[in-house]
Amino acid sequence: MTTVMVVDDDQDLAEMLGIVLTGAGIDAHLVSRGDEVMDEFRNNPPDLVLLDVMLPGKDGIEVWKERSEEHT
């Protein structure tokens, strides 16, 4: 099954995306804080990430740089 990680602090938007993805047969993982994303990446690696830039804890750009450094 395809897995998509939705990283957004807007709970309503994240839940709506989760409902749409689940309805399409896609497993959606919702994360609301930038400082929680890396653990989720390691524990449940997604096929695709929808990543908000402005997040509490750590912004989306920092998250993606950290993720990229782990995989180089």
PDB file of N, CA and C in Angstrom:
ATOM      1  N   MET A   1       0.847  -1.177   0.000  1.00  0.00           N
ATOM      2  CA  MET A   1       0.000   0.000   0.000  1.00  0.00           C
ATOM      3  C   MET A   1       0.891   1.239   0.000  1.00  0.00           C
ATOM      4  N   THR A   2       0.485   2.232  -0.742  1.00  0.00           N
ATOM      5  CA  THR A   2       1.195   3.505  -0.796  1.00  0.00           C
ATOM      6  C   THR A   2       0.942   4.277   0.496  1.00  0.00           C
ATOM      7  N   THR A   3       1.999   4.901   1.002  1.00  0.00           N
ATOM      8  CA  THR A   3       1.903   5.681   2.230  1.00  0.00           C
ATOM      9  C   THR A   3       2.293   7.130   1.951  1.00  0.00           C
ATOM     10  N   VAL A   4       1.460   8.057   2.423  1.00  0.00           N
ATOM     11  CA  VAL A   4       1.742   9.484   2.300  1.00  0.00           C
ATOM     12  C   VAL A   4       1.780  10.077   3.695  1.00  0.00           C
ATOM     13  N   MET A   5       2.841  10.838   3.977  1.00  0.00           N
ATOM     14  CA  MET A   5       2.939  11.543   5.243  1.00  0.00           C
ATOM     15  C   MET A   5       2.514  12.995   5.012  1.00  0.00           C
ATOM     16  N   VAL A   6       1.505  13.417   5.736  1.00  0.00           N
ATOM     17  CA  VAL A   6       1.023  14.794   5.663  1.00  0.00           C
ATOM     18  C   VAL A   6       1.561  15.520   6.892  1.00  0.00           C
ATOM     19  N   VAL A   7       2.428  16.499   6.667  1.00  0.00           N
ATOM     20  CA  VAL A   7       3.038  17.248   7.766  1.00  0.00           C
ATOM     21  C   VAL A   7       2.502  18.673   7.699  1.00  0.00           C
ATOM     22  N   ASP A   8       1.567  18.970   8.586  1.00  0.00           N
ATOM     23  CA  ASP A   8       0.945  20.293   8.584  1.00  0.00           C
ATOM     24  C   ASP A   8       0.367  20.567   9.963  1.00  0.00           C
ATOM     25  N   ASP A   9       0.570  21.790  10.460  1.00  0.00           N
ATOM     26  CA  ASP A   9       0.038  22.148  11.770  1.00  0.00           C
ATOM     27  C   ASP A   9      -1.414  22.613  11.695  1.00  0.00           C
ATOM     28  N   ASP A  10      -1.951  22.761  10.498  1.00  0.00           N
ATOM     29  CA  ASP A  10      -3.369  23.085  10.328  1.00  0.00           C
ATOM     30  C   ASP A  10      -4.144  21.772  10.399  1.00  0.00           C
ATOM     31  N   GLN A  11      -4.680  21.472  11.561  1.00  0.00           N
ATOM     32  CA  GLN A  11      -5.308  20.185  11.807  1.00  0.00           C
ATOM     33  C   GLN A  11      -6.466  19.911  10.852  1.00  0.00           C
ATOM     34  N   ASP A  12      -7.280  20.920  10.571  1.00  0.00           N
ATOM     35  CA  ASP A  12      -8.409  20.730   9.667  1.00  0.00           C
ATOM     36  C   ASP A  12      -7.937  20.339   8.262  1.00  0.00           C
ATOM     37  N   LEU A  13      -6.922  21.029   7.760  1.00  0.00           N
ATOM     38  CA  LEU A  13      -6.387  20.723   6.441  1.00  0.00           C
ATOM     39  C   LEU A  13      -5.773  19.325   6.421  1.00  0.00           C
ATOM     40  N   ALA A  14      -4.977  18.999   7.433  1.00  0.00           N
ATOM     41  CA  ALA A  14      -4.338  17.685   7.486  1.00  0.00           C
ATOM     42  C   ALA A  14      -5.380  16.568   7.539  1.00  0.00           C
ATOM     43  N   GLU A  15      -6.410  16.747   8.348  1.00  0.00           N
ATOM     44  CA  GLU A  15      -7.453  15.727   8.443  1.00  0.00           C
ATOM     45  C   GLU A  15      -8.202  15.585   7.125  1.00  0.00           C
ATOM     46  N   MET A  16      -8.497  16.699   6.442  1.00  0.00           N
ATOM     47  CA  MET A  16      -9.170  16.641   5.157  1.00  0.00           C
ATOM     48  C   MET A  16      -8.320  15.891   4.135  1.00  0.00           C
ATOM     49  N   LEU A  17      -7.029  16.200   4.091  1.00  0.00           N
ATOM     50  CA  LEU A  17      -6.135  15.477   3.189  1.00  0.00           C
ATOM     51  C   LEU A  17      -6.082  13.990   3.547  1.00  0.00           C
ATOM     52  N   GLY A  18      -6.057  13.692   4.829  1.00  0.00           N
ATOM     53  CA  GLY A  18      -6.059  12.300   5.278  1.00  0.00           C
ATOM     54  C   GLY A  18      -7.309  11.563   4.818  1.00  0.00           C
ATOM     55  N   ILE A  19      -8.460  12.206   4.903  1.00  0.00           N
ATOM     56  CA  ILE A  19      -9.718  11.592   4.468  1.00  0.00           C
ATOM     57  C   ILE A  19      -9.693  11.340   2.961  1.00  0.00           C
ATOM     58  N   VAL A  20      -9.240  12.322   2.199  1.00  0.00           N
ATOM     59  CA  VAL A  20      -9.172  12.169   0.740  1.00  0.00           C
ATOM     60  C   VAL A  20      -8.204  11.050   0.367  1.00  0.00           C
ATOM     61  N   LEU A  21      -7.034  11.029   0.986  1.00  0.00           N
ATOM     62  CA  LEU A  21      -6.043  10.002   0.681  1.00  0.00           C
ATOM     63  C   LEU A  21      -6.553   8.612   1.057  1.00  0.00           C
ATOM     64  N   THR A  22      -7.131   8.495   2.231  1.00  0.00           N
ATOM     65  CA  THR A  22      -7.660   7.206   2.676  1.00  0.00           C
ATOM     66  C   THR A  22      -8.769   6.728   1.739  1.00  0.00           C
ATOM     67  N   GLY A  23      -9.611   7.651   1.311  1.00  0.00           N
ATOM     68  CA  GLY A  23     -10.674   7.313   0.372  1.00  0.00           C
ATOM     69  C   GLY A  23     -10.141   6.806  -0.956  1.00  0.00           C
ATOM     70  N   ALA A  24      -8.926   7.220  -1.309  1.00  0.00           N
ATOM     71  CA  ALA A  24      -8.289   6.783  -2.548  1.00  0.00           C
ATOM     72  C   ALA A  24      -7.463   5.512  -2.341  1.00  0.00           C
ATOM     73  N   GLY A  25      -7.556   4.929  -1.159  1.00  0.00           N
ATOM     74  CA  GLY A  25      -6.821   3.692  -0.875  1.00  0.00           C
ATOM     75  C   GLY A  25      -5.373   3.906  -0.491  1.00  0.00           C
ATOM     76  N   ILE A  26      -5.056   5.089  -0.020  1.00  0.00           N
ATOM     77  CA  ILE A  26      -3.688   5.440   0.366  1.00  0.00           C
ATOM     78  C   ILE A  26      -3.624   5.547   1.888  1.00  0.00           C
ATOM     79  N   ASP A  27      -2.584   4.995   2.463  1.00  0.00           N
ATOM     80  CA  ASP A  27      -2.375   5.064   3.908  1.00  0.00           C
ATOM     81  C   ASP A  27      -1.791   6.443   4.238  1.00  0.00           C
ATOM     82  N   ALA A  28      -2.508   7.226   5.044  1.00  0.00           N
ATOM     83  CA  ALA A  28      -2.061   8.583   5.389  1.00  0.00           C
ATOM     84  C   ALA A  28      -1.574   8.637   6.827  1.00  0.00           C
ATOM     85  N   HIS A  29      -0.376   9.188   7.012  1.00  0.00           N
ATOM     86  CA  HIS A  29       0.173   9.430   8.343  1.00  0.00           C
ATOM     87  C   HIS A  29       0.178  10.939   8.538  1.00  0.00           C
ATOM     88  N   LEU A  30      -0.438  11.410   9.613  1.00  0.00           N
ATOM     89  CA  LEU A  30      -0.529  12.845   9.882  1.00  0.00           C
ATOM     90  C   LEU A  30       0.447  13.223  10.992  1.00  0.00           C
ATOM     91  N   VAL A  31       1.245  14.255  10.744  1.00  0.00           N
ATOM     92  CA  VAL A  31       2.201  14.770  11.725  1.00  0.00           C
ATOM     93  C   VAL A  31       2.001  16.281  11.778  1.00  0.00           C
ATOM     94  N   SER A  32       1.933  16.840  12.991  1.00  0.00           N
ATOM     95  CA  SER A  32       1.611  18.264  13.107  1.00  0.00           C
ATOM     96  C   SER A  32       2.784  19.149  13.518  1.00  0.00           C
ATOM     97  N   ARG A  33       3.917  18.561  13.908  1.00  0.00           N
ATOM     98  CA  ARG A  33       5.055  19.367  14.370  1.00  0.00           C
ATOM     99  C   ARG A  33       6.331  18.962  13.637  1.00  0.00           C
ATOM    100  N   GLY A  34       7.113  19.961  13.267  1.00  0.00           N
ATOM    101  CA  GLY A  34       8.358  19.689  12.570  1.00  0.00           C
ATOM    102  C   GLY A  34       9.356  18.891  13.381  1.00  0.00           C
ATOM    103  N   ASP A  35       9.340  19.078  14.700  1.00  0.00           N
ATOM    104  CA  ASP A  35      10.301  18.353  15.537  1.00  0.00           C
ATOM    105  C   ASP A  35       9.874  16.908  15.809  1.00  0.00           C
ATOM    106  N   GLU A  36       8.752  16.475  15.277  1.00  0.00           N
ATOM    107  CA  GLU A  36       8.304  15.081  15.424  1.00  0.00           C
ATOM    108  C   GLU A  36       8.451  14.291  14.124  1.00  0.00           C
ATOM    109  N   VAL A  37       8.798  14.966  13.057  1.00  0.00           N
ATOM    110  CA  VAL A  37       8.804  14.328  11.739  1.00  0.00           C
ATOM    111  C   VAL A  37       9.882  13.266  11.600  1.00  0.00           C
ATOM    112  N   MET A  38      11.095  13.536  12.063  1.00  0.00           N
ATOM    113  CA  MET A  38      12.191  12.594  11.825  1.00  0.00           C
ATOM    114  C   MET A  38      11.935  11.236  12.455  1.00  0.00           C
ATOM    115  N   ASP A  39      11.369  11.203  13.650  1.00  0.00           N
ATOM    116  CA  ASP A  39      11.033   9.909  14.262  1.00  0.00           C
ATOM    117  C   ASP A  39      10.014   9.171  13.409  1.00  0.00           C
ATOM    118  N   GLU A  40       9.056   9.901  12.891  1.00  0.00           N
ATOM    119  CA  GLU A  40       8.032   9.285  12.044  1.00  0.00           C
ATOM    120  C   GLU A  40       8.644   8.778  10.740  1.00  0.00           C
ATOM    121  N   PHE A  41       9.585   9.550  10.152  1.00  0.00           N
ATOM    122  CA  PHE A  41      10.290   9.091   8.949  1.00  0.00           C
ATOM    123  C   PHE A  41      10.974   7.753   9.204  1.00  0.00           C
ATOM    124  N   ARG A  42      11.643   7.658  10.339  1.00  0.00           N
ATOM    125  CA  ARG A  42      12.392   6.432  10.651  1.00  0.00           C
ATOM    126  C   ARG A  42      11.466   5.257  10.957  1.00  0.00           C
ATOM    127  N   ASN A  43      10.386   5.510  11.677  1.00  0.00           N
ATOM    128  CA  ASN A  43       9.484   4.441  12.093  1.00  0.00           C
ATOM    129  C   ASN A  43       8.510   4.010  11.011  1.00  0.00           C
ATOM    130  N   ASN A  44       8.075   4.929  10.172  1.00  0.00           N
ATOM    131  CA  ASN A  44       7.099   4.650   9.126  1.00  0.00           C
ATOM    132  C   ASN A  44       7.496   5.393   7.853  1.00  0.00           C
ATOM    133  N   PRO A  45       8.524   4.927   7.140  1.00  0.00           N
ATOM    134  CA  PRO A  45       8.980   5.648   5.956  1.00  0.00           C
ATOM    135  C   PRO A  45       7.870   5.755   4.905  1.00  0.00           C
ATOM    136  N   PRO A  46       7.545   6.975   4.477  1.00  0.00           N
ATOM    137  CA  PRO A  46       6.474   7.158   3.498  1.00  0.00           C
ATOM    138  C   PRO A  46       6.985   7.058   2.058  1.00  0.00           C
ATOM    139  N   ASP A  47       6.052   6.882   1.140  1.00  0.00           N
ATOM    140  CA  ASP A  47       6.375   6.927  -0.281  1.00  0.00           C
ATOM    141  C   ASP A  47       6.385   8.365  -0.788  1.00  0.00           C
ATOM    142  N   LEU A  48       5.612   9.224  -0.126  1.00  0.00           N
ATOM    143  CA  LEU A  48       5.491  10.624  -0.516  1.00  0.00           C
ATOM    144  C   LEU A  48       5.272  11.462   0.738  1.00  0.00           C
ATOM    145  N   VAL A  49       5.800  12.685   0.727  1.00  0.00           N
ATOM    146  CA  VAL A  49       5.612  13.600   1.860  1.00  0.00           C
ATOM    147  C   VAL A  49       4.981  14.892   1.356  1.00  0.00           C
ATOM    148  N   LEU A  50       3.905  15.309   2.002  1.00  0.00           N
ATOM    149  CA  LEU A  50       3.322  16.631   1.785  1.00  0.00           C
ATOM    150  C   LEU A  50       3.753  17.455   2.986  1.00  0.00           C
ATOM    151  N   LEU A  51       4.697  18.359   2.780  1.00  0.00           N
ATOM    152  CA  LEU A  51       5.382  19.028   3.881  1.00  0.00           C
ATOM    153  C   LEU A  51       5.116  20.524   3.879  1.00  0.00           C
ATOM    154  N   ASP A  52       4.473  21.002   4.925  1.00  0.00           N
ATOM    155  CA  ASP A  52       4.244  22.434   5.123  1.00  0.00           C
ATOM    156  C   ASP A  52       5.586  23.084   5.461  1.00  0.00           C
ATOM    157  N   VAL A  53       5.770  24.328   5.045  1.00  0.00           N
ATOM    158  CA  VAL A  53       7.021  25.019   5.330  1.00  0.00           C
ATOM    159  C   VAL A  53       7.014  25.625   6.725  1.00  0.00           C
ATOM    160  N   MET A  54       5.902  26.218   7.124  1.00  0.00           N
ATOM    161  CA  MET A  54       5.834  26.888   8.425  1.00  0.00           C
ATOM    162  C   MET A  54       5.217  25.946   9.450  1.00  0.00           C
ATOM    163  N   LEU A  55       6.075  25.348  10.271  1.00  0.00           N
ATOM    164  CA  LEU A  55       5.650  24.378  11.286  1.00  0.00           C
ATOM    165  C   LEU A  55       6.187  24.775  12.650  1.00  0.00           C
ATOM    166  N   PRO A  56       5.497  24.392  13.707  1.00  0.00           N
ATOM    167  CA  PRO A  56       6.056  24.600  15.044  1.00  0.00           C
ATOM    168  C   PRO A  56       7.166  23.585  15.324  1.00  0.00           C
ATOM    169  N   GLY A  57       8.123  23.971  16.117  1.00  0.00           N
ATOM    170  CA  GLY A  57       9.199  23.064  16.523  1.00  0.00           C
ATOM    171  C   GLY A  57      10.392  23.098  15.593  1.00  0.00           C
ATOM    172  N   LYS A  58      10.133  22.958  14.296  1.00  0.00           N
ATOM    173  CA  LYS A  58      11.182  22.975  13.281  1.00  0.00           C
ATOM    174  C   LYS A  58      10.471  23.215  11.953  1.00  0.00           C
ATOM    175  N   ASP A  59      10.952  24.176  11.163  1.00  0.00           N
ATOM    176  CA  ASP A  59      10.230  24.461   9.920  1.00  0.00           C
ATOM    177  C   ASP A  59      10.482  23.382   8.864  1.00  0.00           C
ATOM    178  N   GLY A  60       9.634  23.366   7.857  1.00  0.00           N
ATOM    179  CA  GLY A  60       9.690  22.337   6.827  1.00  0.00           C
ATOM    180  C   GLY A  60      10.998  22.301   6.066  1.00  0.00           C
ATOM    181  N   ILE A  61      11.623  23.452   5.869  1.00  0.00           N
ATOM    182  CA  ILE A  61      12.903  23.486   5.165  1.00  0.00           C
ATOM    183  C   ILE A  61      13.982  22.794   5.994  1.00  0.00           C
ATOM    184  N   GLU A  62      14.015  23.060   7.294  1.00  0.00           N
ATOM    185  CA  GLU A  62      14.971  22.381   8.181  1.00  0.00           C
ATOM    186  C   GLU A  62      14.729  20.873   8.184  1.00  0.00           C
ATOM    187  N   VAL A  63      13.474  20.488   8.236  1.00  0.00           N
ATOM    188  CA  VAL A  63      13.117  19.064   8.239  1.00  0.00           C
ATOM    189  C   VAL A  63      13.657  18.396   6.980  1.00  0.00           C
ATOM    190  N   TRP A  64      13.408  19.010   5.816  1.00  0.00           N
ATOM    191  CA  TRP A  64      13.829  18.383   4.566  1.00  0.00           C
ATOM    192  C   TRP A  64      15.343  18.351   4.433  1.00  0.00           C
ATOM    193  N   LYS A  65      16.036  19.387   4.897  1.00  0.00           N
ATOM    194  CA  LYS A  65      17.504  19.373   4.871  1.00  0.00           C
ATOM    195  C   LYS A  65      18.034  18.234   5.737  1.00  0.00           C
ATOM    196  N   GLU A  66      17.462  18.078   6.934  1.00  0.00           N
ATOM    197  CA  GLU A  66      17.889  16.998   7.829  1.00  0.00           C
ATOM    198  C   GLU A  66      17.621  15.645   7.195  1.00  0.00           C
ATOM    199  N   ARG A  67      16.474  15.486   6.584  1.00  0.00           N
ATOM    200  CA  ARG A  67      16.110  14.223   5.927  1.00  0.00           C
ATOM    201  C   ARG A  67      17.067  13.943   4.768  1.00  0.00           C
ATOM    202  N   SER A  68      17.389  14.967   3.999  1.00  0.00           N
ATOM    203  CA  SER A  68      18.296  14.798   2.856  1.00  0.00           C
ATOM    204  C   SER A  68      19.690  14.409   3.316  1.00  0.00           C
ATOM    205  N   GLU A  69      20.156  15.008   4.414  1.00  0.00           N
ATOM    206  CA  GLU A  69      21.487  14.692   4.933  1.00  0.00           C
ATOM    207  C   GLU A  69      21.580  13.243   5.404  1.00  0.00           C
ATOM    208  N   GLU A  70      20.479  12.700   5.921  1.00  0.00           N
ATOM    209  CA  GLU A  70      20.475  11.306   6.377  1.00  0.00           C
ATOM    210  C   GLU A  70      20.575  10.326   5.213  1.00  0.00           C
ATOM    211  N   HIS A  71      20.188  10.769   4.039  1.00  0.00           N
ATOM    212  CA  HIS A  71      20.142   9.866   2.882  1.00  0.00           C
ATOM    213  C   HIS A  71      21.136  10.226   1.795  1.00  0.00           C
ATOM    214  N   THR A  72      22.257  10.826   2.180  1.00  0.00           N
ATOM    215  CA  THR A  72      23.293  11.124   1.190  1.00  0.00           C
ATOM    216  C   THR A  72      24.495  10.247   1.413  1.00  0.00           C
TER     217      THR A  72
END
